[in-house]
Amino acid sequence: MHATENEPSTWTFLTHHARVLVAITRDPGVRLREIAEGIGITERAVQKIVSDLYQAGYLTRERVGRRNHYSLNLDQHFRYPTEADLPISLLIGIFTQRGLPHQDG
């Protein structure tokens, strides 16, 4: 099905996995509910993504009181073969090394 003038296309350049990584980078103590609201997916979907990222070695989690605190392994490489020689720090850097429009002024 193609987008029409009344229905814009809904594809994006970043996957939900990438968006979760960026959200955690910006706030390592973020709650999964907050990530879900920010991305526009369910909390359960975020839980699954965090589990995927944890199992693949992209992040670790530590219990701090009643919350989790996440740390990213920025030296971990992309999974897709054409980018497998590049660390995810390159992607994360794009979204964390500058002010975002909603953060300005």
PDB file of N, CA and C in Angstrom:
ATOM      1  N   MET A   1       0.836  -1.179   0.000  1.00  0.00           N
ATOM      2  CA  MET A   1       0.000   0.000   0.000  1.00  0.00           C
ATOM      3  C   MET A   1       0.879   1.240   0.000  1.00  0.00           C
ATOM      4  N   HIS A   2       0.568   2.192  -0.850  1.00  0.00           N
ATOM      5  CA  HIS A   2       1.347   3.417  -0.965  1.00  0.00           C
ATOM      6  C   HIS A   2       0.659   4.560  -0.220  1.00  0.00           C
ATOM      7  N   ALA A   3       1.484   5.525   0.218  1.00  0.00           N
ATOM      8  CA  ALA A   3       0.923   6.705   0.872  1.00  0.00           C
ATOM      9  C   ALA A   3       0.204   7.548  -0.174  1.00  0.00           C
ATOM     10  N   THR A   4      -0.849   8.203   0.243  1.00  0.00           N
ATOM     11  CA  THR A   4      -1.574   9.104  -0.642  1.00  0.00           C
ATOM     12  C   THR A   4      -1.397  10.518  -0.128  1.00  0.00           C
ATOM     13  N   GLU A   5      -1.958  11.477  -0.813  1.00  0.00           N
ATOM     14  CA  GLU A   5      -1.879  12.862  -0.362  1.00  0.00           C
ATOM     15  C   GLU A   5      -2.537  13.033   1.006  1.00  0.00           C
ATOM     16  N   ASN A   6      -3.594  12.292   1.265  1.00  0.00           N
ATOM     17  CA  ASN A   6      -4.289  12.397   2.544  1.00  0.00           C
ATOM     18  C   ASN A   6      -3.645  11.556   3.636  1.00  0.00           C
ATOM     19  N   GLU A   7      -2.897  10.544   3.235  1.00  0.00           N
ATOM     20  CA  GLU A   7      -2.226   9.659   4.185  1.00  0.00           C
ATOM     21  C   GLU A   7      -0.724   9.702   3.934  1.00  0.00           C
ATOM     22  N   PRO A   8       0.017  10.461   4.734  1.00  0.00           N
ATOM     23  CA  PRO A   8       1.462  10.512   4.517  1.00  0.00           C
ATOM     24  C   PRO A   8       2.110   9.173   4.871  1.00  0.00           C
ATOM     25  N   SER A   9       3.242   8.922   4.287  1.00  0.00           N
ATOM     26  CA  SER A   9       3.986   7.706   4.563  1.00  0.00           C
ATOM     27  C   SER A   9       4.425   7.685   6.031  1.00  0.00           C
ATOM     28  N   THR A  10       4.487   6.502   6.625  1.00  0.00           N
ATOM     29  CA  THR A  10       4.825   6.403   8.041  1.00  0.00           C
ATOM     30  C   THR A  10       6.207   5.809   8.280  1.00  0.00           C
ATOM     31  N   TRP A  11       7.002   5.606   7.252  1.00  0.00           N
ATOM     32  CA  TRP A  11       8.319   5.019   7.466  1.00  0.00           C
ATOM     33  C   TRP A  11       9.265   6.047   8.070  1.00  0.00           C
ATOM     34  N   THR A  12      10.285   5.538   8.767  1.00  0.00           N
ATOM     35  CA  THR A  12      11.300   6.410   9.363  1.00  0.00           C
ATOM     36  C   THR A  12      12.675   5.817   9.109  1.00  0.00           C
ATOM     37  N   PHE A  13      13.720   6.612   9.346  1.00  0.00           N
ATOM     38  CA  PHE A  13      15.078   6.140   9.155  1.00  0.00           C
ATOM     39  C   PHE A  13      15.577   5.302  10.335  1.00  0.00           C
ATOM     40  N   LEU A  14      15.038   5.525  11.515  1.00  0.00           N
ATOM     41  CA  LEU A  14      15.510   4.816  12.702  1.00  0.00           C
ATOM     42  C   LEU A  14      14.516   3.753  13.140  1.00  0.00           C
ATOM     43  N   THR A  15      15.036   2.633  13.565  1.00  0.00           N
ATOM     44  CA  THR A  15      14.198   1.578  14.107  1.00  0.00           C
ATOM     45  C   THR A  15      13.840   1.921  15.557  1.00  0.00           C
ATOM     46  N   HIS A  16      12.903   1.186  16.101  1.00  0.00           N
ATOM     47  CA  HIS A  16      12.571   1.370  17.515  1.00  0.00           C
ATOM     48  C   HIS A  16      13.761   1.004  18.393  1.00  0.00           C
ATOM     49  N   HIS A  17      14.548   0.034  17.987  1.00  0.00           N
ATOM     50  CA  HIS A  17      15.726  -0.335  18.762  1.00  0.00           C
ATOM     51  C   HIS A  17      16.692   0.852  18.859  1.00  0.00           C
ATOM     52  N   ALA A  18      16.919   1.525  17.746  1.00  0.00           N
ATOM     53  CA  ALA A  18      17.809   2.697  17.762  1.00  0.00           C
ATOM     54  C   ALA A  18      17.228   3.803  18.634  1.00  0.00           C
ATOM     55  N   ARG A  19      15.942   4.028  18.553  1.00  0.00           N
ATOM     56  CA  ARG A  19      15.313   5.072  19.360  1.00  0.00           C
ATOM     57  C   ARG A  19      15.398   4.760  20.853  1.00  0.00           C
ATOM     58  N   VAL A  20      15.271   3.491  21.226  1.00  0.00           N
ATOM     59  CA  VAL A  20      15.406   3.104  22.631  1.00  0.00           C
ATOM     60  C   VAL A  20      16.841   3.347  23.089  1.00  0.00           C
ATOM     61  N   LEU A  21      17.815   2.988  22.266  1.00  0.00           N
ATOM     62  CA  LEU A  21      19.218   3.246  22.622  1.00  0.00           C
ATOM     63  C   LEU A  21      19.478   4.731  22.844  1.00  0.00           C
ATOM     64  N   VAL A  22      18.961   5.553  21.963  1.00  0.00           N
ATOM     65  CA  VAL A  22      19.153   6.999  22.097  1.00  0.00           C
ATOM     66  C   VAL A  22      18.489   7.512  23.370  1.00  0.00           C
ATOM     67  N   ALA A  23      17.286   7.060  23.654  1.00  0.00           N
ATOM     68  CA  ALA A  23      16.583   7.491  24.872  1.00  0.00           C
ATOM     69  C   ALA A  23      17.362   7.107  26.124  1.00  0.00           C
ATOM     70  N   ILE A  24      17.907   5.914  26.144  1.00  0.00           N
ATOM     71  CA  ILE A  24      18.680   5.470  27.304  1.00  0.00           C
ATOM     72  C   ILE A  24      19.985   6.249  27.415  1.00  0.00           C
ATOM     73  N   THR A  25      20.596   6.571  26.290  1.00  0.00           N
ATOM     74  CA  THR A  25      21.815   7.377  26.316  1.00  0.00           C
ATOM     75  C   THR A  25      21.542   8.750  26.921  1.00  0.00           C
ATOM     76  N   ARG A  26      20.436   9.336  26.547  1.00  0.00           N
ATOM     77  CA  ARG A  26      20.087  10.671  27.057  1.00  0.00           C
ATOM     78  C   ARG A  26      19.767  10.655  28.538  1.00  0.00           C
ATOM     79  N   ASP A  27      19.196   9.547  29.028  1.00  0.00           N
ATOM     80  CA  ASP A  27      18.827   9.440  30.443  1.00  0.00           C
ATOM     81  C   ASP A  27      18.954   7.987  30.885  1.00  0.00           C
ATOM     82  N   PRO A  28      20.130   7.608  31.419  1.00  0.00           N
ATOM     83  CA  PRO A  28      20.359   6.218  31.816  1.00  0.00           C
ATOM     84  C   PRO A  28      19.403   5.701  32.895  1.00  0.00           C
ATOM     85  N   GLY A  29      18.708   6.576  33.575  1.00  0.00           N
ATOM     86  CA  GLY A  29      17.750   6.162  34.595  1.00  0.00           C
ATOM     87  C   GLY A  29      16.310   6.246  34.126  1.00  0.00           C
ATOM     88  N   VAL A  30      16.111   6.421  32.847  1.00  0.00           N
ATOM     89  CA  VAL A  30      14.771   6.585  32.297  1.00  0.00           C
ATOM     90  C   VAL A  30      13.920   5.344  32.565  1.00  0.00           C
ATOM     91  N   ARG A  31      12.648   5.557  32.765  1.00  0.00           N
ATOM     92  CA  ARG A  31      11.711   4.438  32.943  1.00  0.00           C
ATOM     93  C   ARG A  31      11.215   3.985  31.576  1.00  0.00           C
ATOM     94  N   LEU A  32      10.978   2.700  31.486  1.00  0.00           N
ATOM     95  CA  LEU A  32      10.534   2.153  30.211  1.00  0.00           C
ATOM     96  C   LEU A  32       9.226   2.781  29.757  1.00  0.00           C
ATOM     97  N   ARG A  33       8.374   3.114  30.698  1.00  0.00           N
ATOM     98  CA  ARG A  33       7.097   3.775  30.379  1.00  0.00           C
ATOM     99  C   ARG A  33       7.365   5.115  29.682  1.00  0.00           C
ATOM    100  N   GLU A  34       8.366   5.839  30.154  1.00  0.00           N
ATOM    101  CA  GLU A  34       8.697   7.142  29.561  1.00  0.00           C
ATOM    102  C   GLU A  34       9.241   6.972  28.140  1.00  0.00           C
ATOM    103  N   ILE A  35      10.061   5.939  27.945  1.00  0.00           N
ATOM    104  CA  ILE A  35      10.559   5.661  26.592  1.00  0.00           C
ATOM    105  C   ILE A  35       9.390   5.346  25.671  1.00  0.00           C
ATOM    106  N   ALA A  36       8.494   4.500  26.133  1.00  0.00           N
ATOM    107  CA  ALA A  36       7.336   4.104  25.321  1.00  0.00           C
ATOM    108  C   ALA A  36       6.512   5.318  24.915  1.00  0.00           C
ATOM    109  N   GLU A  37       6.256   6.199  25.861  1.00  0.00           N
ATOM    110  CA  GLU A  37       5.476   7.405  25.558  1.00  0.00           C
ATOM    111  C   GLU A  37       6.207   8.290  24.559  1.00  0.00           C
ATOM    112  N   GLY A  38       7.521   8.426  24.713  1.00  0.00           N
ATOM    113  CA  GLY A  38       8.300   9.284  23.820  1.00  0.00           C
ATOM    114  C   GLY A  38       8.396   8.759  22.401  1.00  0.00           C
ATOM    115  N   ILE A  39       8.460   7.447  22.273  1.00  0.00           N
ATOM    116  CA  ILE A  39       8.592   6.830  20.958  1.00  0.00           C
ATOM    117  C   ILE A  39       7.236   6.580  20.319  1.00  0.00           C
ATOM    118  N   GLY A  40       6.234   6.344  21.150  1.00  0.00           N
ATOM    119  CA  GLY A  40       4.899   6.066  20.618  1.00  0.00           C
ATOM    120  C   GLY A  40       4.651   4.585  20.400  1.00  0.00           C
ATOM    121  N   ILE A  41       5.266   3.758  21.264  1.00  0.00           N
ATOM    122  CA  ILE A  41       5.013   2.322  21.215  1.00  0.00           C
ATOM    123  C   ILE A  41       4.613   1.865  22.617  1.00  0.00           C
ATOM    124  N   THR A  42       4.250   0.615  22.754  1.00  0.00           N
ATOM    125  CA  THR A  42       3.803   0.136  24.058  1.00  0.00           C
ATOM    126  C   THR A  42       4.987  -0.097  24.987  1.00  0.00           C
ATOM    127  N   GLU A  43       4.697  -0.077  26.269  1.00  0.00           N
ATOM    128  CA  GLU A  43       5.729  -0.360  27.261  1.00  0.00           C
ATOM    129  C   GLU A  43       6.241  -1.785  27.088  1.00  0.00           C
ATOM    130  N   ARG A  44       5.365  -2.692  26.764  1.00  0.00           N
ATOM    131  CA  ARG A  44       5.759  -4.087  26.538  1.00  0.00           C
ATOM    132  C   ARG A  44       6.736  -4.192  25.376  1.00  0.00           C
ATOM    133  N   ALA A  45       6.515  -3.417  24.322  1.00  0.00           N
ATOM    134  CA  ALA A  45       7.437  -3.411  23.183  1.00  0.00           C
ATOM    135  C   ALA A  45       8.810  -2.896  23.607  1.00  0.00           C
ATOM    136  N   VAL A  46       8.836  -1.868  24.443  1.00  0.00           N
ATOM    137  CA  VAL A  46      10.109  -1.341  24.949  1.00  0.00           C
ATOM    138  C   VAL A  46      10.806  -2.392  25.803  1.00  0.00           C
ATOM    139  N   GLN A  47      10.050  -3.101  26.638  1.00  0.00           N
ATOM    140  CA  GLN A  47      10.636  -4.172  27.451  1.00  0.00           C
ATOM    141  C   GLN A  47      11.316  -5.211  26.563  1.00  0.00           C
ATOM    142  N   LYS A  48      10.665  -5.595  25.483  1.00  0.00           N
ATOM    143  CA  LYS A  48      11.219  -6.584  24.552  1.00  0.00           C
ATOM    144  C   LYS A  48      12.481  -6.051  23.896  1.00  0.00           C
ATOM    145  N   ILE A  49      12.468  -4.792  23.490  1.00  0.00           N
ATOM    146  CA  ILE A  49      13.628  -4.179  22.849  1.00  0.00           C
ATOM    147  C   ILE A  49      14.797  -4.107  23.824  1.00  0.00           C
ATOM    148  N   VAL A  50      14.540  -3.681  25.062  1.00  0.00           N
ATOM    149  CA  VAL A  50      15.601  -3.611  26.070  1.00  0.00           C
ATOM    150  C   VAL A  50      16.172  -5.006  26.310  1.00  0.00           C
ATOM    151  N   SER A  51      15.329  -6.008  26.342  1.00  0.00           N
ATOM    152  CA  SER A  51      15.788  -7.383  26.502  1.00  0.00           C
ATOM    153  C   SER A  51      16.668  -7.799  25.318  1.00  0.00           C
ATOM    154  N   ASP A  52      16.252  -7.472  24.103  1.00  0.00           N
ATOM    155  CA  ASP A  52      17.055  -7.763  22.911  1.00  0.00           C
ATOM    156  C   ASP A  52      18.431  -7.103  23.018  1.00  0.00           C
ATOM    157  N   LEU A  53      18.436  -5.828  23.369  1.00  0.00           N
ATOM    158  CA  LEU A  53      19.680  -5.061  23.455  1.00  0.00           C
ATOM    159  C   LEU A  53      20.590  -5.601  24.550  1.00  0.00           C
ATOM    160  N   TYR A  54      19.998  -5.991  25.663  1.00  0.00           N
ATOM    161  CA  TYR A  54      20.750  -6.564  26.771  1.00  0.00           C
ATOM    162  C   TYR A  54      21.375  -7.903  26.348  1.00  0.00           C
ATOM    163  N   GLN A  55      20.578  -8.763  25.763  1.00  0.00           N
ATOM    164  CA  GLN A  55      21.070 -10.081  25.355  1.00  0.00           C
ATOM    165  C   GLN A  55      22.152  -9.992  24.282  1.00  0.00           C
ATOM    166  N   ALA A  56      22.092  -8.975  23.443  1.00  0.00           N
ATOM    167  CA  ALA A  56      23.079  -8.801  22.378  1.00  0.00           C
ATOM    168  C   ALA A  56      24.319  -8.041  22.848  1.00  0.00           C
ATOM    169  N   GLY A  57      24.331  -7.599  24.110  1.00  0.00           N
ATOM    170  CA  GLY A  57      25.503  -6.927  24.656  1.00  0.00           C
ATOM    171  C   GLY A  57      25.589  -5.437  24.404  1.00  0.00           C
ATOM    172  N   TYR A  58      24.484  -4.833  23.948  1.00  0.00           N
ATOM    173  CA  TYR A  58      24.491  -3.400  23.686  1.00  0.00           C
ATOM    174  C   TYR A  58      24.302  -2.575  24.949  1.00  0.00           C
ATOM    175  N   LEU A  59      23.720  -3.162  25.976  1.00  0.00           N
ATOM    176  CA  LEU A  59      23.541  -2.431  27.226  1.00  0.00           C
ATOM    177  C   LEU A  59      23.597  -3.384  28.413  1.00  0.00           C
ATOM    178  N   THR A  60      23.855  -2.793  29.563  1.00  0.00           N
ATOM    179  CA  THR A  60      23.784  -3.510  30.833  1.00  0.00           C
ATOM    180  C   THR A  60      22.803  -2.742  31.699  1.00  0.00           C
ATOM    181  N   ARG A  61      22.304  -3.419  32.711  1.00  0.00           N
ATOM    182  CA  ARG A  61      21.385  -2.736  33.624  1.00  0.00           C
ATOM    183  C   ARG A  61      21.772  -3.090  35.050  1.00  0.00           C
ATOM    184  N   GLU A  62      21.591  -2.096  35.889  1.00  0.00           N
ATOM    185  CA  GLU A  62      21.893  -2.261  37.311  1.00  0.00           C
ATOM    186  C   GLU A  62      20.716  -1.726  38.105  1.00  0.00           C
ATOM    187  N   ARG A  63      20.316  -2.473  39.086  1.00  0.00           N
ATOM    188  CA  ARG A  63      19.206  -2.049  39.943  1.00  0.00           C
ATOM    189  C   ARG A  63      19.729  -1.010  40.924  1.00  0.00           C
ATOM    190  N   VAL A  64      19.093   0.172  40.938  1.00  0.00           N
ATOM    191  CA  VAL A  64      19.436   1.240  41.870  1.00  0.00           C
ATOM    192  C   VAL A  64      18.146   1.600  42.596  1.00  0.00           C
ATOM    193  N   GLY A  65      18.018   1.128  43.837  1.00  0.00           N
ATOM    194  CA  GLY A  65      16.765   1.314  44.562  1.00  0.00           C
ATOM    195  C   GLY A  65      15.657   0.552  43.867  1.00  0.00           C
ATOM    196  N   ARG A  66      14.619   1.264  43.507  1.00  0.00           N
ATOM    197  CA  ARG A  66      13.473   0.640  42.840  1.00  0.00           C
ATOM    198  C   ARG A  66      13.524   0.788  41.322  1.00  0.00           C
ATOM    199  N   ARG A  67      14.609   1.350  40.814  1.00  0.00           N
ATOM    200  CA  ARG A  67      14.707   1.618  39.380  1.00  0.00           C
ATOM    201  C   ARG A  67      15.916   0.941  38.773  1.00  0.00           C
ATOM    202  N   ASN A  68      15.904   0.820  37.475  1.00  0.00           N
ATOM    203  CA  ASN A  68      17.060   0.326  36.735  1.00  0.00           C
ATOM    204  C   ASN A  68      17.884   1.500  36.245  1.00  0.00           C
ATOM    205  N   HIS A  69      19.180   1.316  36.193  1.00  0.00           N
ATOM    206  CA  HIS A  69      20.100   2.277  35.606  1.00  0.00           C
ATOM    207  C   HIS A  69      20.817   1.534  34.486  1.00  0.00           C
ATOM    208  N   TYR A  70      20.820   2.108  33.302  1.00  0.00           N
ATOM    209  CA  TYR A  70      21.362   1.439  32.129  1.00  0.00           C
ATOM    210  C   TYR A  70      22.694   2.055  31.731  1.00  0.00           C
ATOM    211  N   SER A  71      23.566   1.217  31.199  1.00  0.00           N
ATOM    212  CA  SER A  71      24.836   1.655  30.624  1.00  0.00           C
ATOM    213  C   SER A  71      24.941   1.041  29.238  1.00  0.00           C
ATOM    214  N   LEU A  72      25.375   1.832  28.296  1.00  0.00           N
ATOM    215  CA  LEU A  72      25.511   1.332  26.933  1.00  0.00           C
ATOM    216  C   LEU A  72      26.947   0.915  26.651  1.00  0.00           C
ATOM    217  N   ASN A  73      27.102  -0.119  25.841  1.00  0.00           N
ATOM    218  CA  ASN A  73      28.394  -0.542  25.340  1.00  0.00           C
ATOM    219  C   ASN A  73      28.550   0.113  23.968  1.00  0.00           C
ATOM    220  N   LEU A  74      29.108   1.309  23.947  1.00  0.00           N
ATOM    221  CA  LEU A  74      29.185   2.084  22.713  1.00  0.00           C
ATOM    222  C   LEU A  74      30.213   1.532  21.729  1.00  0.00           C
ATOM    223  N   ASP A  75      31.034   0.597  22.173  1.00  0.00           N
ATOM    224  CA  ASP A  75      32.000  -0.039  21.274  1.00  0.00           C
ATOM    225  C   ASP A  75      31.392  -1.219  20.520  1.00  0.00           C
ATOM    226  N   GLN A  76      30.190  -1.619  20.928  1.00  0.00           N
ATOM    227  CA  GLN A  76      29.498  -2.717  20.237  1.00  0.00           C
ATOM    228  C   GLN A  76      29.209  -2.278  18.798  1.00  0.00           C
ATOM    229  N   HIS A  77      29.322  -3.188  17.864  1.00  0.00           N
ATOM    230  CA  HIS A  77      29.153  -2.837  16.456  1.00  0.00           C
ATOM    231  C   HIS A  77      27.721  -3.069  15.978  1.00  0.00           C
ATOM    232  N   PHE A  78      27.371  -2.403  14.891  1.00  0.00           N
ATOM    233  CA  PHE A  78      26.073  -2.605  14.259  1.00  0.00           C
ATOM    234  C   PHE A  78      25.931  -4.071  13.870  1.00  0.00           C
ATOM    235  N   ARG A  79      24.708  -4.517  13.763  1.00  0.00           N
ATOM    236  CA  ARG A  79      24.440  -5.923  13.467  1.00  0.00           C
ATOM    237  C   ARG A  79      24.374  -6.226  11.969  1.00  0.00           C
ATOM    238  N   TYR A  80      23.958  -5.275  11.167  1.00  0.00           N
ATOM    239  CA  TYR A  80      23.777  -5.537   9.740  1.00  0.00           C
ATOM    240  C   TYR A  80      25.146  -5.647   9.058  1.00  0.00           C
ATOM    241  N   PRO A  81      25.337  -6.621   8.198  1.00  0.00           N
ATOM    242  CA  PRO A  81      26.665  -6.876   7.627  1.00  0.00           C
ATOM    243  C   PRO A  81      27.356  -5.671   6.981  1.00  0.00           C
ATOM    244  N   THR A  82      26.612  -4.808   6.308  1.00  0.00           N
ATOM    245  CA  THR A  82      27.259  -3.680   5.629  1.00  0.00           C
ATOM    246  C   THR A  82      27.772  -2.611   6.589  1.00  0.00           C
ATOM    247  N   GLU A  83      27.306  -2.629   7.842  1.00  0.00           N
ATOM    248  CA  GLU A  83      27.778  -1.677   8.849  1.00  0.00           C
ATOM    249  C   GLU A  83      28.468  -2.375  10.018  1.00  0.00           C
ATOM    250  N   ALA A  84      28.699  -3.672   9.915  1.00  0.00           N
ATOM    251  CA  ALA A  84      29.204  -4.455  11.044  1.00  0.00           C
ATOM    252  C   ALA A  84      30.588  -4.035  11.513  1.00  0.00           C
ATOM    253  N   ASP A  85      31.300  -3.266  10.724  1.00  0.00           N
ATOM    254  CA  ASP A  85      32.630  -2.813  11.136  1.00  0.00           C
ATOM    255  C   ASP A  85      32.575  -1.468  11.870  1.00  0.00           C
ATOM    256  N   LEU A  86      31.378  -0.928  12.077  1.00  0.00           N
ATOM    257  CA  LEU A  86      31.228   0.383  12.713  1.00  0.00           C
ATOM    258  C   LEU A  86      30.610   0.263  14.101  1.00  0.00           C
ATOM    259  N   PRO A  87      31.133   1.019  15.075  1.00  0.00           N
ATOM    260  CA  PRO A  87      30.552   0.989  16.425  1.00  0.00           C
ATOM    261  C   PRO A  87      29.273   1.819  16.494  1.00  0.00           C
ATOM    262  N   ILE A  88      28.372   1.432  17.390  1.00  0.00           N
ATOM    263  CA  ILE A  88      27.121   2.177  17.541  1.00  0.00           C
ATOM    264  C   ILE A  88      27.355   3.576  18.093  1.00  0.00           C
ATOM    265  N   SER A  89      28.541   3.834  18.627  1.00  0.00           N
ATOM    266  CA  SER A  89      28.843   5.181  19.132  1.00  0.00           C
ATOM    267  C   SER A  89      28.675   6.231  18.041  1.00  0.00           C
ATOM    268  N   LEU A  90      28.886   5.858  16.798  1.00  0.00           N
ATOM    269  CA  LEU A  90      28.695   6.807  15.693  1.00  0.00           C
ATOM    270  C   LEU A  90      27.245   7.259  15.588  1.00  0.00           C
ATOM    271  N   LEU A  91      26.327   6.317  15.674  1.00  0.00           N
ATOM    272  CA  LEU A  91      24.905   6.652  15.625  1.00  0.00           C
ATOM    273  C   LEU A  91      24.497   7.458  16.851  1.00  0.00           C
ATOM    274  N   ILE A  92      24.890   6.984  18.020  1.00  0.00           N
ATOM    275  CA  ILE A  92      24.526   7.654  19.260  1.00  0.00           C
ATOM    276  C   ILE A  92      25.059   9.082  19.268  1.00  0.00           C
ATOM    277  N   GLY A  93      26.274   9.264  18.773  1.00  0.00           N
ATOM    278  CA  GLY A  93      26.871  10.594  18.732  1.00  0.00           C
ATOM    279  C   GLY A  93      26.073  11.592  17.915  1.00  0.00           C
ATOM    280  N   ILE A  94      25.478  11.137  16.847  1.00  0.00           N
ATOM    281  CA  ILE A  94      24.668  12.025  16.001  1.00  0.00           C
ATOM    282  C   ILE A  94      23.530  12.645  16.812  1.00  0.00           C
ATOM    283  N   PHE A  95      22.930  11.862  17.694  1.00  0.00           N
ATOM    284  CA  PHE A  95      21.739  12.311  18.404  1.00  0.00           C
ATOM    285  C   PHE A  95      21.997  12.850  19.800  1.00  0.00           C
ATOM    286  N   THR A  96      23.227  12.757  20.270  1.00  0.00           N
ATOM    287  CA  THR A  96      23.511  13.228  21.625  1.00  0.00           C
ATOM    288  C   THR A  96      24.540  14.346  21.673  1.00  0.00           C
ATOM    289  N   GLN A  97      25.194  14.643  20.589  1.00  0.00           N
ATOM    290  CA  GLN A  97      26.250  15.654  20.582  1.00  0.00           C
ATOM    291  C   GLN A  97      25.763  17.034  20.164  1.00  0.00           C
ATOM    292  N   ARG A  98      24.481  17.197  20.051  1.00  0.00           N
ATOM    293  CA  ARG A  98      23.927  18.499  19.658  1.00  0.00           C
ATOM    294  C   ARG A  98      22.610  18.721  20.379  1.00  0.00           C
ATOM    295  N   GLY A  99      22.212  19.962  20.465  1.00  0.00           N
ATOM    296  CA  GLY A  99      20.908  20.258  21.045  1.00  0.00           C
ATOM    297  C   GLY A  99      19.811  19.849  20.083  1.00  0.00           C
ATOM    298  N   LEU A 100      18.758  19.316  20.591  1.00  0.00           N
ATOM    299  CA  LEU A 100      17.623  18.938  19.758  1.00  0.00           C
ATOM    300  C   LEU A 100      16.638  20.094  19.681  1.00  0.00           C
ATOM    301  N   PRO A 101      15.877  20.192  18.607  1.00  0.00           N
ATOM    302  CA  PRO A 101      14.949  21.319  18.449  1.00  0.00           C
ATOM    303  C   PRO A 101      14.042  21.543  19.653  1.00  0.00           C
ATOM    304  N   HIS A 102      13.515  20.483  20.258  1.00  0.00           N
ATOM    305  CA  HIS A 102      12.603  20.674  21.382  1.00  0.00           C
ATOM    306  C   HIS A 102      13.338  21.077  22.655  1.00  0.00           C
ATOM    307  N   GLN A 103      14.672  21.015  22.638  1.00  0.00           N
ATOM    308  CA  GLN A 103      15.452  21.393  23.811  1.00  0.00           C
ATOM    309  C   GLN A 103      15.958  22.822  23.713  1.00  0.00           C
ATOM    310  N   ASP A 104      15.948  23.406  22.531  1.00  0.00           N
ATOM    311  CA  ASP A 104      16.444  24.770  22.351  1.00  0.00           C
ATOM    312  C   ASP A 104      15.437  25.760  22.898  1.00  0.00           C
ATOM    313  N   GLY A 105      16.010  26.791  23.535  1.00  0.00           N
ATOM    314  CA  GLY A 105      15.217  27.920  23.999  1.00  0.00           C
ATOM    315  C   GLY A 105      14.072  27.561  24.799  1.00  0.00           C
TER     316      GLY A 105
END
